[in-house]
N, C-alpha and C. Protein backbone atom coordinates (compact mmCIF):
# COMPACT_ATOMS: atom_id res chain seq x y z
N MET A 1 -21.04 -18.82 52.30
CA MET A 1 -20.62 -19.36 51.27
C MET A 1 -19.23 -19.10 50.96
N GLY A 2 -18.17 -20.30 50.69
CA GLY A 2 -16.97 -19.78 50.49
C GLY A 2 -16.66 -19.38 49.19
N LYS A 3 -15.61 -19.12 49.04
CA LYS A 3 -14.95 -18.87 47.47
C LYS A 3 -13.69 -18.97 47.26
N PHE A 4 -13.23 -19.27 46.25
CA PHE A 4 -11.90 -19.63 45.90
C PHE A 4 -11.17 -18.26 45.02
N VAL A 5 -10.07 -18.02 45.73
CA VAL A 5 -9.50 -16.48 45.15
C VAL A 5 -8.27 -16.97 44.68
N ILE A 6 -8.14 -16.61 43.40
CA ILE A 6 -6.85 -17.33 42.69
C ILE A 6 -6.24 -15.62 42.60
N LYS A 7 -4.60 -15.79 42.89
CA LYS A 7 -3.83 -14.77 42.98
C LYS A 7 -2.49 -15.03 42.01
N LYS A 8 -1.77 -13.90 41.78
CA LYS A 8 -0.38 -14.10 41.31
C LYS A 8 0.56 -13.58 42.12
N SER A 9 1.70 -14.47 42.24
CA SER A 9 2.88 -14.26 43.04
C SER A 9 3.96 -12.98 42.46
N LYS A 10 4.71 -12.55 42.93
CA LYS A 10 5.60 -11.64 42.32
C LYS A 10 6.50 -12.29 41.51
N ASP A 11 6.63 -13.48 41.82
CA ASP A 11 7.26 -14.21 40.35
C ASP A 11 6.68 -14.90 39.29
N GLU A 12 5.47 -14.18 39.20
CA GLU A 12 4.49 -14.60 38.17
C GLU A 12 3.86 -15.96 37.86
N GLN A 13 3.91 -16.60 39.35
CA GLN A 13 3.18 -17.87 39.42
C GLN A 13 1.76 -17.49 40.01
N PHE A 14 0.78 -18.65 40.05
CA PHE A 14 -0.85 -18.36 40.37
C PHE A 14 -0.96 -19.55 41.50
N TYR A 15 -1.90 -19.18 42.26
CA TYR A 15 -2.04 -19.97 43.31
C TYR A 15 -3.49 -19.76 43.99
N PHE A 16 -4.27 -20.51 44.54
CA PHE A 16 -5.74 -20.14 45.09
C PHE A 16 -5.53 -20.47 46.52
N ASN A 17 -6.44 -19.57 47.37
CA ASN A 17 -7.12 -19.73 48.78
C ASN A 17 -8.39 -20.05 48.51
N LEU A 18 -8.83 -20.94 49.39
CA LEU A 18 -10.24 -21.43 49.60
C LEU A 18 -10.73 -20.39 51.13
N LEU A 19 -11.57 -19.60 50.91
CA LEU A 19 -11.93 -18.81 52.06
C LEU A 19 -13.32 -19.19 52.26
N ALA A 20 -13.72 -19.12 53.66
CA ALA A 20 -14.86 -19.63 54.24
C ALA A 20 -15.80 -18.49 54.16
N GLY A 21 -17.18 -18.25 54.46
CA GLY A 21 -18.00 -17.54 54.49
C GLY A 21 -17.70 -16.15 55.04
N ASN A 22 -17.07 -16.31 56.12
CA ASN A 22 -16.41 -15.09 57.15
C ASN A 22 -15.19 -14.67 56.70
N GLY A 23 -14.67 -15.07 55.54
CA GLY A 23 -13.45 -14.50 54.66
C GLY A 23 -12.08 -15.21 55.23
N GLN A 24 -11.98 -16.16 56.22
CA GLN A 24 -11.04 -16.76 56.68
C GLN A 24 -10.37 -17.72 55.71
N VAL A 25 -9.14 -17.91 55.49
CA VAL A 25 -8.39 -18.82 54.68
C VAL A 25 -8.65 -19.90 55.29
N ILE A 26 -9.12 -21.10 54.67
CA ILE A 26 -9.42 -22.58 55.11
C ILE A 26 -8.28 -23.51 54.50
N CYS A 27 -7.57 -23.04 53.29
CA CYS A 27 -6.68 -24.04 52.90
C CYS A 27 -6.03 -22.99 51.75
N LYS A 28 -4.71 -23.35 51.24
CA LYS A 28 -3.99 -22.51 50.17
C LYS A 28 -3.48 -23.77 49.09
N SER A 29 -3.23 -23.43 48.10
CA SER A 29 -2.80 -24.44 47.00
C SER A 29 -1.19 -24.18 46.79
N GLU A 30 -0.69 -25.12 46.11
CA GLU A 30 0.60 -25.16 45.62
C GLU A 30 0.69 -23.76 44.49
N MET A 31 1.98 -23.80 44.05
CA MET A 31 2.16 -22.70 42.97
C MET A 31 1.95 -23.35 41.62
N TYR A 32 1.35 -22.48 40.54
CA TYR A 32 0.93 -23.01 39.30
C TYR A 32 2.07 -22.23 38.57
N LYS A 33 2.42 -22.80 37.30
CA LYS A 33 3.03 -21.71 36.49
C LYS A 33 1.95 -21.08 35.45
N ALA A 34 0.75 -21.76 35.30
CA ALA A 34 -0.39 -21.17 34.40
C ALA A 34 -1.24 -21.03 35.20
N LEU A 35 -2.26 -19.78 34.99
CA LEU A 35 -3.78 -19.47 35.47
C LEU A 35 -4.27 -20.89 35.01
N ALA A 36 -4.49 -21.39 34.17
CA ALA A 36 -4.96 -22.53 33.83
C ALA A 36 -5.07 -23.84 34.38
N SER A 37 -3.88 -24.06 34.94
CA SER A 37 -3.38 -24.86 36.10
C SER A 37 -4.06 -24.79 37.16
N ALA A 38 -3.65 -23.43 37.84
CA ALA A 38 -4.59 -23.37 39.11
C ALA A 38 -6.01 -23.34 38.89
N LYS A 39 -6.60 -23.14 37.98
CA LYS A 39 -8.40 -23.85 37.78
C LYS A 39 -8.18 -24.79 38.03
N ASN A 40 -7.34 -25.75 37.22
CA ASN A 40 -7.50 -27.14 37.21
C ASN A 40 -7.28 -27.84 38.69
N GLY A 41 -6.75 -26.86 39.53
CA GLY A 41 -6.06 -27.41 40.79
C GLY A 41 -7.39 -27.14 41.84
N ILE A 42 -8.41 -26.16 41.56
CA ILE A 42 -9.62 -25.76 42.07
C ILE A 42 -10.30 -26.99 41.67
N GLU A 43 -10.52 -27.37 40.51
CA GLU A 43 -11.56 -28.77 40.18
C GLU A 43 -11.05 -29.77 40.67
N SER A 44 -9.73 -29.89 41.16
CA SER A 44 -9.32 -31.30 41.76
C SER A 44 -9.58 -31.29 43.41
N VAL A 45 -9.52 -30.31 43.74
CA VAL A 45 -9.95 -30.00 45.42
C VAL A 45 -11.83 -30.46 45.20
N ARG A 46 -12.22 -29.80 44.15
CA ARG A 46 -13.83 -30.39 44.19
C ARG A 46 -14.06 -31.41 43.95
N LYS A 47 -13.43 -32.33 43.19
CA LYS A 47 -13.61 -33.72 42.52
C LYS A 47 -12.90 -34.69 43.74
N ASN A 48 -11.98 -34.12 44.76
CA ASN A 48 -11.55 -35.00 45.70
C ASN A 48 -11.84 -34.69 47.38
N VAL A 49 -12.73 -33.87 47.35
CA VAL A 49 -13.08 -33.46 48.57
C VAL A 49 -13.62 -34.30 49.50
N ASP A 50 -14.30 -35.13 48.98
CA ASP A 50 -15.11 -36.15 49.81
C ASP A 50 -14.07 -37.58 50.17
N SER A 51 -12.66 -37.33 49.67
CA SER A 51 -11.67 -38.41 49.80
C SER A 51 -11.64 -39.06 51.29
N LYS A 52 -11.05 -40.13 51.57
CA LYS A 52 -10.95 -40.57 53.04
C LYS A 52 -9.71 -39.81 53.81
N ILE A 53 -9.38 -39.79 55.17
CA ILE A 53 -8.87 -39.04 55.73
C ILE A 53 -7.83 -40.21 56.50
N GLU A 54 -6.29 -39.89 56.23
CA GLU A 54 -5.28 -40.77 56.82
C GLU A 54 -4.67 -39.84 58.00
N ASP A 55 -5.05 -40.28 59.05
CA ASP A 55 -4.41 -39.65 60.27
C ASP A 55 -3.18 -40.23 60.87
N GLN A 56 -2.00 -39.60 60.25
CA GLN A 56 -0.68 -39.88 60.49
C GLN A 56 -0.33 -39.38 61.69
N THR A 57 -1.17 -38.90 62.69
CA THR A 57 -0.93 -38.62 64.17
C THR A 57 -1.21 -39.87 64.97
N VAL A 58 -1.59 -40.88 64.64
CA VAL A 58 -2.10 -42.16 65.46
C VAL A 58 -0.74 -43.19 65.06
N GLU A 59 -0.26 -43.51 66.18
CA GLU A 59 0.66 -44.54 65.82
C GLU A 59 -0.06 -45.96 65.22
N GLY A 60 0.85 -46.59 64.28
CA GLY A 60 0.53 -47.46 63.33
C GLY A 60 -0.89 -46.98 62.52
N TYR A 61 -0.59 -45.95 62.02
CA TYR A 61 -2.07 -45.33 61.35
C TYR A 61 -2.21 -46.54 59.82
N GLU A 62 -3.52 -46.48 59.91
CA GLU A 62 -3.64 -47.30 58.40
C GLU A 62 -3.40 -46.31 57.08
N LYS A 63 -2.88 -46.76 56.27
CA LYS A 63 -2.34 -45.89 55.16
C LYS A 63 -3.96 -45.94 54.23
N VAL A 64 -3.98 -45.13 53.51
CA VAL A 64 -5.33 -45.01 53.06
C VAL A 64 -4.71 -44.69 51.22
N LYS A 65 -5.18 -45.13 50.53
CA LYS A 65 -4.95 -44.85 48.79
C LYS A 65 -5.36 -43.38 48.46
N TYR A 66 -4.69 -43.04 47.60
CA TYR A 66 -5.01 -41.92 46.97
C TYR A 66 -5.95 -41.72 46.16
N PRO A 67 -6.77 -40.78 45.99
CA PRO A 67 -6.63 -39.51 46.27
C PRO A 67 -7.06 -39.62 48.16
N LYS A 68 -6.40 -38.55 48.87
CA LYS A 68 -6.91 -38.89 50.11
C LYS A 68 -6.47 -37.55 51.19
N TRP A 69 -6.90 -37.22 52.21
CA TRP A 69 -6.50 -35.97 53.19
C TRP A 69 -5.54 -36.80 53.82
N GLU A 70 -4.78 -35.98 54.53
CA GLU A 70 -3.48 -36.56 55.38
C GLU A 70 -3.65 -35.66 56.39
N VAL A 71 -3.75 -36.01 57.52
CA VAL A 71 -3.38 -35.24 58.70
C VAL A 71 -2.15 -35.34 59.47
N TYR A 72 -1.53 -34.52 59.72
CA TYR A 72 -0.04 -34.93 60.49
C TYR A 72 0.47 -33.92 61.30
N VAL A 73 1.36 -33.82 61.96
CA VAL A 73 2.09 -33.11 62.89
C VAL A 73 3.23 -32.36 62.39
N ASP A 74 3.52 -31.26 62.31
CA ASP A 74 4.57 -30.54 61.68
C ASP A 74 5.74 -30.46 62.62
N LYS A 75 6.98 -29.77 62.14
CA LYS A 75 8.13 -29.76 63.04
C LYS A 75 7.64 -28.93 63.99
N ALA A 76 6.96 -27.92 64.03
CA ALA A 76 6.86 -26.93 65.18
C ALA A 76 5.83 -27.69 66.04
N GLY A 77 5.17 -28.78 65.77
CA GLY A 77 4.33 -29.38 66.78
C GLY A 77 3.12 -29.18 66.46
N GLU A 78 2.58 -28.42 65.49
CA GLU A 78 1.16 -28.13 64.99
C GLU A 78 0.39 -29.11 64.25
N TYR A 79 -0.78 -29.21 64.40
CA TYR A 79 -1.59 -30.15 63.36
C TYR A 79 -1.89 -29.24 62.10
N ARG A 80 -1.64 -30.33 60.79
CA ARG A 80 -1.92 -29.75 59.89
C ARG A 80 -2.67 -30.83 58.83
N PHE A 81 -3.08 -30.40 57.44
CA PHE A 81 -3.76 -31.37 56.65
C PHE A 81 -3.52 -30.92 55.48
N ARG A 82 -3.24 -31.65 54.71
CA ARG A 82 -3.21 -31.38 53.04
C ARG A 82 -3.92 -32.59 52.14
N LEU A 83 -4.64 -31.97 51.17
CA LEU A 83 -5.48 -32.78 50.07
C LEU A 83 -4.26 -33.18 49.08
N CYS A 84 -4.34 -34.59 48.88
CA CYS A 84 -3.31 -35.01 47.77
C CYS A 84 -4.35 -35.92 46.62
N ALA A 85 -4.08 -35.53 45.31
CA ALA A 85 -4.67 -36.03 44.43
C ALA A 85 -4.47 -37.44 44.09
N SER A 86 -5.20 -37.96 43.20
CA SER A 86 -4.80 -39.66 42.91
C SER A 86 -3.57 -39.73 42.36
N ASN A 87 -2.74 -39.19 41.94
CA ASN A 87 -1.24 -39.21 41.70
C ASN A 87 -0.34 -38.66 42.75
N GLY A 88 -0.72 -38.54 43.85
CA GLY A 88 -0.11 -38.01 44.97
C GLY A 88 0.31 -36.77 45.16
N GLU A 89 0.23 -36.18 44.29
CA GLU A 89 0.52 -34.26 44.14
C GLU A 89 -0.39 -33.75 45.32
N ASN A 90 0.36 -32.78 46.16
CA ASN A 90 -0.52 -32.02 46.95
C ASN A 90 -1.19 -31.06 46.07
N ILE A 91 -2.67 -31.14 46.30
CA ILE A 91 -3.53 -30.15 45.76
C ILE A 91 -3.73 -28.91 46.87
N ALA A 92 -3.86 -28.92 47.83
CA ALA A 92 -4.05 -27.88 48.88
C ALA A 92 -3.66 -28.32 50.14
N ALA A 93 -3.20 -27.26 51.11
CA ALA A 93 -2.77 -27.76 52.44
C ALA A 93 -3.31 -26.27 53.48
N SER A 94 -3.45 -26.95 54.81
CA SER A 94 -3.63 -25.91 55.76
C SER A 94 -2.86 -25.24 56.68
N GLU A 95 -3.07 -24.34 57.25
CA GLU A 95 -2.03 -23.47 58.28
C GLU A 95 -2.01 -24.71 59.51
N GLY A 96 -1.11 -24.24 60.46
CA GLY A 96 -0.94 -25.04 61.56
C GLY A 96 -2.14 -24.70 62.73
N TYR A 97 -2.53 -25.88 63.42
CA TYR A 97 -3.60 -25.59 64.59
C TYR A 97 -3.00 -26.57 65.72
N VAL A 98 -3.31 -25.49 66.65
CA VAL A 98 -3.02 -26.28 67.95
C VAL A 98 -3.64 -27.72 68.32
N ARG A 99 -4.82 -27.66 67.87
CA ARG A 99 -5.63 -28.76 68.21
C ARG A 99 -5.99 -29.75 66.94
N LYS A 100 -5.79 -30.93 67.06
CA LYS A 100 -5.96 -31.69 65.71
C LYS A 100 -7.66 -31.55 65.90
N ASP A 101 -8.65 -31.41 66.53
CA ASP A 101 -9.97 -31.47 66.08
C ASP A 101 -10.08 -30.17 65.35
N SER A 102 -9.30 -28.79 65.35
CA SER A 102 -9.29 -28.01 64.76
C SER A 102 -8.91 -28.25 63.03
N ALA A 103 -8.08 -29.25 63.06
CA ALA A 103 -7.69 -29.54 61.57
C ALA A 103 -8.57 -30.27 61.05
N LEU A 104 -9.35 -31.13 61.69
CA LEU A 104 -10.17 -32.01 61.05
C LEU A 104 -11.41 -31.10 60.89
N ASN A 105 -11.85 -29.94 61.81
CA ASN A 105 -12.86 -29.01 61.40
C ASN A 105 -12.44 -28.23 59.98
N GLY A 106 -11.44 -27.94 59.84
CA GLY A 106 -10.84 -27.64 58.31
C GLY A 106 -11.25 -28.17 57.32
N ILE A 107 -10.99 -29.57 57.46
CA ILE A 107 -11.34 -30.35 56.40
C ILE A 107 -12.81 -30.39 56.17
N ASP A 108 -13.62 -30.66 57.37
CA ASP A 108 -14.97 -30.56 57.22
C ASP A 108 -15.44 -29.22 56.59
N SER A 109 -14.90 -28.03 56.69
CA SER A 109 -15.27 -26.81 56.19
C SER A 109 -14.83 -26.76 54.70
N ILE A 110 -13.79 -27.47 54.19
CA ILE A 110 -13.81 -27.43 52.77
C ILE A 110 -14.78 -28.07 52.03
N ARG A 111 -14.94 -29.33 52.65
CA ARG A 111 -16.15 -30.28 52.03
C ARG A 111 -17.46 -29.48 52.21
N ARG A 112 -17.64 -28.74 53.10
CA ARG A 112 -18.86 -27.77 52.87
C ARG A 112 -18.82 -26.72 51.99
N ASN A 113 -17.71 -25.98 51.90
CA ASN A 113 -17.64 -25.06 51.17
C ASN A 113 -17.11 -25.11 49.69
N ALA A 114 -15.99 -26.00 49.36
CA ALA A 114 -15.42 -25.80 47.96
C ALA A 114 -16.48 -26.38 47.20
N PRO A 115 -17.44 -27.14 46.92
CA PRO A 115 -18.16 -27.75 46.08
C PRO A 115 -19.18 -26.51 45.29
N GLU A 116 -19.83 -25.92 45.95
CA GLU A 116 -20.24 -24.65 45.29
C GLU A 116 -19.59 -23.23 45.38
N ALA A 117 -18.40 -23.02 45.75
CA ALA A 117 -17.48 -22.04 46.04
C ALA A 117 -17.38 -21.21 44.60
N GLU A 118 -17.68 -19.96 44.65
CA GLU A 118 -17.27 -19.08 43.23
C GLU A 118 -15.95 -19.08 43.17
N VAL A 119 -15.38 -18.84 41.98
CA VAL A 119 -14.06 -18.84 41.72
C VAL A 119 -13.91 -17.46 41.32
N VAL A 120 -12.68 -16.54 41.98
CA VAL A 120 -12.44 -15.14 41.72
C VAL A 120 -11.25 -14.78 41.50
N GLU A 121 -10.65 -14.32 40.44
CA GLU A 121 -9.44 -14.05 39.93
C GLU A 121 -9.14 -12.40 40.66
N ASP A 122 -7.90 -12.49 41.35
CA ASP A 122 -7.57 -11.39 41.98
C ASP A 122 -6.20 -11.50 41.44
N LEU A 123 -5.75 -10.97 40.58
CA LEU A 123 -4.67 -11.03 39.71
C LEU A 123 -3.68 -9.69 39.74
N GLU A 124 -4.16 -8.64 40.45
CA GLU A 124 -3.39 -7.48 40.34
C GLU A 124 -2.36 -7.30 41.58
């Protein structure tokens, strides 16, 4: 089972990582000014986890309404995904993957892990 780990940055902001059962980071959040906001971000991941996927790697891709997952290619040529809330804000994002199917597997892993993942505060 996965877990959300909330951490504090050196500049006193908060963020979370979703870890898979094996401890690997599946996704990271944006930075938040308050701990409560980071916790709200976790709940937003849980709420929006089953959103549709907009595959921006395909020419002429179909735009999907927010909330949604966006799969795209970054400047380094790697595949990434991000989860966007209904207001269009990024909730969580992935690392870069060499293959698109690895990025899609990351989304599936979040869908499996996020709903029941415990929340741990690691604020030191």
